[in-house]
Structures are given as C-alpha cells and as structure tokens.
Amino acid sequence: MGCYQSREGKYSREIVYKSTSIKLVEGVIEEINSQAIVNVSINPMASKLREQVYKYIQNHEETSDFFDQEGEIIQLEQLKNLVFASTETLLNFQFSSSYISENDLLNTFEQILLFADKISCLYQICFTDYIIYEIDGMDYNSYADCLVKSVFKFLTQNTERQIVSVKFLCLNAKNLNTIFQKMMKYENYNF
C-alpha cells in the first residue's frame, strides 16, 4: 500500500495509491478499499467527508494500516483554476481491468455519483478525464458520452440529492469541446 503521489497546500489534502479504487460487480459497487477512498482530494470545507471515510473503512473491516499513515496524508495545493474554490470533491479513480464496456462505464459513473452523494455534505464534485488513457478499446468520444450521460441522469432523477453541480476538469481544449458537445446532447434528454 505504497504512496506514489502526494501534494500539500493550504486548502486540502491528497494521497494517491497505485491500486484499484472501485470494484464494480454487475453495476454495483462491490468493494471500496482504503486505498480507493483516500484517492479522493478533500476540501477542508468538507472535513466531515474525511470522518465518513474513516467510518466506512471501519464498518467494512478494512485494515487499520491506513490510520498509521496519517502522517503521509498532507494538504493539497489549491488549483489555479479554482476547482476547490467552494465545497467540492475531485473524483479520481481507476478501474480493476484495462477493458470496460460502455454499459459498465455508465454504471460505474452512476454508482460513484450516488456514493459521493450519500457519504458527504458536498455540493459540487469534479471529474478528471485522465483515466481514459487506462481504458483499452474506448475513444474519448465514447468515454465523454458515458460520463456526461451519467451525470445528467443523476442530476435529473435524484431530486433529494445533496450534490447540486458537477464540473469536468479536462486535459486539453479538444477534450473540453467534446464534453460541451455531450452536454448539449443530454441537457434536454428524457431519461
């Protein structure tokens, strides 16, 4: 359970592990381990999320080694584009295999959104798109379609949700344009 990336700053904390974040079985989150949970950047305004992380790990009989590494969990620099300007979580995650179908990807995003909404008092979340490079046989257009469709479905069908907005942090302008196209496609979609 070795840390390979950590950053510190004034506004939040991050520690990232080389391990699967979320294991999905038939569209349902089967396991979220300590490595996975900590692979979430935490805004200090939402410090209760961290307490929820600990409770989740304890309730699911996770190893206590995580708590021994508290010293390694350090603050994350505030991003220049103000991703952390308000209460928000940056969702970084990995897949258990290099191949995933579009249907499984849709289910994955939906489960992540539901999980994030249940365990925190956050109002915004932000998806990064670096994981597309870990998925074999899927182009960015398909990936973006699954992501945006899942987000709009979540926002329109869950009236009791706590999350009120979702951001997309793209690696380049081309990816951002693709996301915009998908947003226009799904903003009035009848789910």
C-alpha atoms as a PDB file:
ATOM      1  CA  MET A   1       0.000   0.000   0.000  1.00  0.00           C
ATOM      2  CA  GLY A   2       2.694   2.442  -1.010  1.00  0.00           C
ATOM      3  CA  CYS A   3       2.015   6.080  -1.682  1.00  0.00           C
ATOM      4  CA  TYR A   4       3.302   7.247  -5.046  1.00  0.00           C
ATOM      5  CA  GLN A   5       1.865  10.747  -5.217  1.00  0.00           C
ATOM      6  CA  SER A   6       1.153  13.302  -2.536  1.00  0.00           C
ATOM      7  CA  ARG A   7       0.915  17.071  -2.556  1.00  0.00           C
ATOM      8  CA  GLU A   8       0.426  19.675   0.098  1.00  0.00           C
ATOM      9  CA  GLY A   9      -1.002  23.139   0.262  1.00  0.00           C
ATOM     10  CA  LYS A  10      -3.284  25.329   2.262  1.00  0.00           C
ATOM     11  CA  TYR A  11      -6.719  24.132   1.294  1.00  0.00           C
ATOM     12  CA  SER A  12      -6.981  20.369   1.101  1.00  0.00           C
ATOM     13  CA  ARG A  13      -5.237  17.034   1.363  1.00  0.00           C
ATOM     14  CA  GLU A  14      -4.441  14.267  -1.055  1.00  0.00           C
ATOM     15  CA  ILE A  15      -2.746  10.908  -1.027  1.00  0.00           C
ATOM     16  CA  VAL A  16      -2.931   8.633  -4.055  1.00  0.00           C
ATOM     17  CA  TYR A  17      -2.192   4.911  -4.160  1.00  0.00           C
ATOM     18  CA  LYS A  18      -1.402   2.546  -7.013  1.00  0.00           C
ATOM     19  CA  SER A  19      -4.441   0.356  -6.580  1.00  0.00           C
ATOM     20  CA  THR A  20      -7.972  -0.163  -7.782  1.00  0.00           C
ATOM     21  CA  SER A  21     -10.309   2.474  -6.447  1.00  0.00           C
ATOM     22  CA  ILE A  22     -13.685   0.976  -7.128  1.00  0.00           C
ATOM     23  CA  LYS A  23     -14.616  -2.593  -7.915  1.00  0.00           C
ATOM     24  CA  LEU A  24     -17.881  -2.959  -9.756  1.00  0.00           C
ATOM     25  CA  VAL A  25     -19.884  -6.186  -9.902  1.00  0.00           C
ATOM     26  CA  GLU A  26     -22.924  -6.113 -12.182  1.00  0.00           C
ATOM     27  CA  GLY A  27     -23.150  -2.350 -11.952  1.00  0.00           C
ATOM     28  CA  VAL A  28     -22.966  -2.198  -8.164  1.00  0.00           C
ATOM     29  CA  ILE A  29     -20.031  -1.089  -6.047  1.00  0.00           C
ATOM     30  CA  GLU A  30     -18.829  -4.335  -4.508  1.00  0.00           C
ATOM     31  CA  GLU A  31     -15.814  -3.028  -2.632  1.00  0.00           C
ATOM     32  CA  ILE A  32     -14.244   0.312  -1.870  1.00  0.00           C
ATOM     33  CA  ASN A  33     -10.980  -0.169  -0.049  1.00  0.00           C
ATOM     34  CA  SER A  34      -8.867   2.257   1.943  1.00  0.00           C
ATOM     35  CA  GLN A  35      -6.597   2.950  -0.999  1.00  0.00           C
ATOM     36  CA  ALA A  36      -9.607   3.839  -3.104  1.00  0.00           C
ATOM     37  CA  ILE A  37     -11.212   6.129  -0.590  1.00  0.00           C
ATOM     38  CA  VAL A  38      -8.060   8.100   0.020  1.00  0.00           C
ATOM     39  CA  ASN A  39      -7.782   8.581  -3.719  1.00  0.00           C
ATOM     40  CA  VAL A  40     -10.203  11.483  -3.255  1.00  0.00           C
ATOM     41  CA  SER A  41      -8.948  15.017  -2.808  1.00  0.00           C
ATOM     42  CA  ILE A  42     -10.622  16.577   0.195  1.00  0.00           C
ATOM     43  CA  ASN A  43     -11.541  20.215   0.587  1.00  0.00           C
ATOM     44  CA  PRO A  44     -11.185  21.447   4.181  1.00  0.00           C
ATOM     45  CA  MET A  45     -14.657  22.990   3.987  1.00  0.00           C
ATOM     46  CA  ALA A  46     -15.932  19.421   3.752  1.00  0.00           C
ATOM     47  CA  SER A  47     -13.842  17.890   6.509  1.00  0.00           C
ATOM     48  CA  LYS A  48     -16.757  15.661   7.505  1.00  0.00           C
ATOM     49  CA  LEU A  49     -16.067  13.663   4.357  1.00  0.00           C
ATOM     50  CA  ARG A  50     -12.854  12.523   5.972  1.00  0.00           C
ATOM     51  CA  GLU A  51     -14.737  11.308   9.039  1.00  0.00           C
ATOM     52  CA  GLN A  52     -17.070   9.397   6.740  1.00  0.00           C
ATOM     53  CA  VAL A  53     -14.040   7.814   5.073  1.00  0.00           C
ATOM     54  CA  TYR A  54     -12.807   6.513   8.423  1.00  0.00           C
ATOM     55  CA  LYS A  55     -16.251   5.238   9.401  1.00  0.00           C
ATOM     56  CA  TYR A  56     -16.680   3.465   6.081  1.00  0.00           C
ATOM     57  CA  ILE A  57     -13.328   1.721   6.396  1.00  0.00           C
ATOM     58  CA  GLN A  58     -14.040   0.694   9.992  1.00  0.00           C
ATOM     59  CA  ASN A  59     -17.504  -0.639   9.168  1.00  0.00           C
ATOM     60  CA  HIS A  60     -16.170  -2.709   6.291  1.00  0.00           C
ATOM     61  CA  GLU A  61     -13.372  -4.340   8.282  1.00  0.00           C
ATOM     62  CA  GLU A  62     -10.606  -2.660   6.355  1.00  0.00           C
ATOM     63  CA  THR A  63      -7.056  -2.880   7.605  1.00  0.00           C
ATOM     64  CA  SER A  64      -6.044  -0.372  10.243  1.00  0.00           C
ATOM     65  CA  ASP A  65      -2.756   0.268   8.423  1.00  0.00           C
ATOM     66  CA  PHE A  66      -4.433   3.258   6.824  1.00  0.00           C
ATOM     67  CA  PHE A  67      -4.610   5.070  10.150  1.00  0.00           C
ATOM     68  CA  ASP A  68      -0.888   4.536  10.746  1.00  0.00           C
ATOM     69  CA  GLN A  69      -0.176   6.534   7.610  1.00  0.00           C
ATOM     70  CA  GLU A  70      -1.870   9.697   8.803  1.00  0.00           C
ATOM     71  CA  GLY A  71       1.494  11.432   8.662  1.00  0.00           C
ATOM     72  CA  GLU A  72       1.638  10.791   4.931  1.00  0.00           C
ATOM     73  CA  ILE A  73      -1.684  12.493   4.288  1.00  0.00           C
ATOM     74  CA  ILE A  74      -0.778  16.087   3.563  1.00  0.00           C
ATOM     75  CA  GLN A  75      -2.546  19.106   2.227  1.00  0.00           C
ATOM     76  CA  LEU A  76      -3.108  19.568  -1.485  1.00  0.00           C
ATOM     77  CA  GLU A  77      -2.259  22.773  -3.291  1.00  0.00           C
ATOM     78  CA  GLN A  78      -5.236  24.852  -4.288  1.00  0.00           C
ATOM     79  CA  LEU A  79      -5.590  24.555  -8.041  1.00  0.00           C
ATOM     80  CA  LYS A  80      -5.129  27.716 -10.087  1.00  0.00           C
ATOM     81  CA  ASN A  81      -8.416  27.187 -11.902  1.00  0.00           C
ATOM     82  CA  LEU A  82     -10.231  27.296  -8.540  1.00  0.00           C
ATOM     83  CA  VAL A  83     -11.541  23.746  -8.697  1.00  0.00           C
ATOM     84  CA  PHE A  84     -11.509  23.895  -4.901  1.00  0.00           C
ATOM     85  CA  ALA A  85     -12.931  27.407  -4.627  1.00  0.00           C
ATOM     86  CA  SER A  86     -16.047  26.015  -2.967  1.00  0.00           C
ATOM     87  CA  THR A  87     -17.024  22.853  -1.139  1.00  0.00           C
ATOM     88  CA  GLU A  88     -16.181  20.093  -3.552  1.00  0.00           C
ATOM     89  CA  THR A  89     -14.511  16.741  -4.085  1.00  0.00           C
ATOM     90  CA  LEU A  90     -12.260  15.872  -7.010  1.00  0.00           C
ATOM     91  CA  LEU A  91     -13.084  12.300  -8.004  1.00  0.00           C
ATOM     92  CA  ASN A  92     -10.056  10.375  -9.199  1.00  0.00           C
ATOM     93  CA  PHE A  93     -10.473   6.652  -9.705  1.00  0.00           C
ATOM     94  CA  GLN A  94      -9.067   3.665 -11.527  1.00  0.00           C
ATOM     95  CA  PHE A  95     -10.548   0.511 -12.998  1.00  0.00           C
ATOM     96  CA  SER A  96      -9.781  -3.051 -11.969  1.00  0.00           C
ATOM     97  CA  SER A  97      -9.066  -4.047 -15.568  1.00  0.00           C
ATOM     98  CA  SER A  98      -7.859  -2.289 -18.684  1.00  0.00           C
ATOM     99  CA  TYR A  99     -11.077  -3.075 -20.571  1.00  0.00           C
ATOM    100  CA  ILE A 100     -14.550  -1.893 -19.621  1.00  0.00           C
ATOM    101  CA  SER A 101     -17.702  -1.836 -21.728  1.00  0.00           C
ATOM    102  CA  GLU A 102     -19.710   1.339 -22.258  1.00  0.00           C
ATOM    103  CA  ASN A 103     -22.583  -0.105 -20.231  1.00  0.00           C
ATOM    104  CA  ASP A 104     -20.254  -0.910 -17.327  1.00  0.00           C
ATOM    105  CA  LEU A 105     -18.756   2.555 -17.592  1.00  0.00           C
ATOM    106  CA  LEU A 106     -22.219   4.141 -17.364  1.00  0.00           C
ATOM    107  CA  ASN A 107     -22.955   2.056 -14.281  1.00  0.00           C
ATOM    108  CA  THR A 108     -19.595   2.962 -12.796  1.00  0.00           C
ATOM    109  CA  PHE A 109     -20.203   6.698 -13.061  1.00  0.00           C
ATOM    110  CA  GLU A 110     -23.726   6.373 -11.687  1.00  0.00           C
ATOM    111  CA  GLN A 111     -22.515   4.374  -8.691  1.00  0.00           C
ATOM    112  CA  ILE A 112     -19.725   6.866  -7.996  1.00  0.00           C
ATOM    113  CA  LEU A 113     -22.172   9.777  -8.070  1.00  0.00           C
ATOM    114  CA  LEU A 114     -24.606   8.012  -5.755  1.00  0.00           C
ATOM    115  CA  PHE A 115     -21.827   7.017  -3.366  1.00  0.00           C
ATOM    116  CA  ALA A 116     -20.367  10.518  -3.242  1.00  0.00           C
ATOM    117  CA  ASP A 117     -23.804  11.991  -2.632  1.00  0.00           C
ATOM    118  CA  LYS A 118     -24.554   9.634   0.264  1.00  0.00           C
ATOM    119  CA  ILE A 119     -21.319   9.921   2.222  1.00  0.00           C
ATOM    120  CA  SER A 120     -20.753  13.650   2.200  1.00  0.00           C
ATOM    121  CA  CYS A 121     -22.254  17.075   2.632  1.00  0.00           C
ATOM    122  CA  LEU A 122     -20.670  18.259  -0.590  1.00  0.00           C
ATOM    123  CA  TYR A 123     -22.418  20.474  -3.077  1.00  0.00           C
ATOM    124  CA  GLN A 124     -20.077  20.091  -6.039  1.00  0.00           C
ATOM    125  CA  ILE A 125     -17.879  17.358  -7.446  1.00  0.00           C
ATOM    126  CA  CYS A 126     -15.326  17.437 -10.238  1.00  0.00           C
ATOM    127  CA  PHE A 127     -14.434  14.603 -12.627  1.00  0.00           C
ATOM    128  CA  THR A 128     -10.970  14.480 -14.184  1.00  0.00           C
ATOM    129  CA  ASP A 129     -10.507  12.739 -17.518  1.00  0.00           C
ATOM    130  CA  TYR A 130      -7.035  11.253 -17.148  1.00  0.00           C
ATOM    131  CA  ILE A 131      -8.487   7.747 -16.670  1.00  0.00           C
ATOM    132  CA  ILE A 132      -9.412   7.491 -20.343  1.00  0.00           C
ATOM    133  CA  TYR A 133      -5.809   6.509 -21.006  1.00  0.00           C
ATOM    134  CA  GLU A 134      -6.256   3.440 -18.783  1.00  0.00           C
ATOM    135  CA  ILE A 135      -9.198   2.076 -20.776  1.00  0.00           C
ATOM    136  CA  ASP A 136      -8.424  -0.120 -23.782  1.00  0.00           C
ATOM    137  CA  GLY A 137     -10.647  -0.028 -26.833  1.00  0.00           C
ATOM    138  CA  MET A 138     -12.560   3.147 -25.995  1.00  0.00           C
ATOM    139  CA  ASP A 139     -12.082   6.546 -27.583  1.00  0.00           C
ATOM    140  CA  TYR A 140     -12.600   9.830 -25.785  1.00  0.00           C
ATOM    141  CA  ASN A 141     -15.905  10.464 -27.539  1.00  0.00           C
ATOM    142  CA  SER A 142     -17.403   7.274 -26.077  1.00  0.00           C
ATOM    143  CA  TYR A 143     -15.915   7.950 -22.664  1.00  0.00           C
ATOM    144  CA  ALA A 144     -17.275  11.517 -22.589  1.00  0.00           C
ATOM    145  CA  ASP A 145     -20.684  10.320 -23.734  1.00  0.00           C
ATOM    146  CA  CYS A 146     -20.891   7.829 -20.855  1.00  0.00           C
ATOM    147  CA  LEU A 147     -19.685  10.351 -18.295  1.00  0.00           C
ATOM    148  CA  VAL A 148     -21.969  13.231 -19.281  1.00  0.00           C
ATOM    149  CA  LYS A 149     -24.990  10.970 -19.770  1.00  0.00           C
ATOM    150  CA  SER A 150     -24.472   9.532 -16.275  1.00  0.00           C
ATOM    151  CA  VAL A 151     -24.120  12.983 -14.747  1.00  0.00           C
ATOM    152  CA  PHE A 152     -27.257  14.404 -16.377  1.00  0.00           C
ATOM    153  CA  LYS A 153     -29.225  11.279 -15.477  1.00  0.00           C
ATOM    154  CA  PHE A 154     -28.087  11.604 -11.865  1.00  0.00           C
ATOM    155  CA  LEU A 155     -28.886  15.314 -11.652  1.00  0.00           C
ATOM    156  CA  THR A 156     -32.354  14.983 -13.202  1.00  0.00           C
ATOM    157  CA  GLN A 157     -33.540  11.790 -11.500  1.00  0.00           C
ATOM    158  CA  ASN A 158     -32.349  12.384  -7.930  1.00  0.00           C
ATOM    159  CA  THR A 159     -34.393  15.267  -6.577  1.00  0.00           C
ATOM    160  CA  GLU A 160     -33.240  14.659  -2.990  1.00  0.00           C
ATOM    161  CA  ARG A 161     -29.540  14.772  -3.851  1.00  0.00           C
ATOM    162  CA  GLN A 162     -27.110  16.992  -1.984  1.00  0.00           C
ATOM    163  CA  ILE A 163     -24.831  17.487  -4.971  1.00  0.00           C
ATOM    164  CA  VAL A 164     -26.024  20.487  -6.955  1.00  0.00           C
ATOM    165  CA  SER A 165     -23.307  20.795  -9.595  1.00  0.00           C
ATOM    166  CA  VAL A 166     -20.716  18.694 -11.363  1.00  0.00           C
ATOM    167  CA  LYS A 167     -17.554  20.011 -13.012  1.00  0.00           C
ATOM    168  CA  PHE A 168     -15.378  18.420 -15.674  1.00  0.00           C
ATOM    169  CA  LEU A 169     -11.631  19.033 -15.486  1.00  0.00           C
ATOM    170  CA  CYS A 170     -10.300  18.265 -18.974  1.00  0.00           C
ATOM    171  CA  LEU A 171      -6.717  17.708 -20.051  1.00  0.00           C
ATOM    172  CA  ASN A 172      -6.975  19.831 -23.189  1.00  0.00           C
ATOM    173  CA  ALA A 173      -9.287  22.032 -25.259  1.00  0.00           C
ATOM    174  CA  LYS A 174     -10.255  19.197 -27.602  1.00  0.00           C
ATOM    175  CA  ASN A 175     -11.500  17.098 -24.701  1.00  0.00           C
ATOM    176  CA  LEU A 176     -13.345  20.069 -23.251  1.00  0.00           C
ATOM    177  CA  ASN A 177     -15.086  20.671 -26.581  1.00  0.00           C
ATOM    178  CA  THR A 178     -16.167  17.027 -26.653  1.00  0.00           C
ATOM    179  CA  ILE A 179     -17.631  17.381 -23.157  1.00  0.00           C
ATOM    180  CA  PHE A 180     -19.532  20.503 -24.257  1.00  0.00           C
ATOM    181  CA  GLN A 181     -20.990  18.628 -27.227  1.00  0.00           C
ATOM    182  CA  LYS A 182     -22.210  15.861 -24.943  1.00  0.00           C
ATOM    183  CA  MET A 183     -23.707  18.397 -22.537  1.00  0.00           C
ATOM    184  CA  MET A 184     -25.747  19.891 -25.369  1.00  0.00           C
ATOM    185  CA  LYS A 185     -26.821  16.382 -26.356  1.00  0.00           C
ATOM    186  CA  TYR A 186     -28.093  15.433 -22.902  1.00  0.00           C
ATOM    187  CA  GLU A 187     -29.272  18.682 -21.310  1.00  0.00           C
ATOM    188  CA  ASN A 188     -32.863  18.095 -22.502  1.00  0.00           C
ATOM    189  CA  TYR A 189     -32.663  14.318 -22.733  1.00  0.00           C
ATOM    190  CA  ASN A 190     -35.654  12.301 -21.491  1.00  0.00           C
ATOM    191  CA  PHE A 191     -34.121   9.701 -19.193  1.00  0.00           C
END
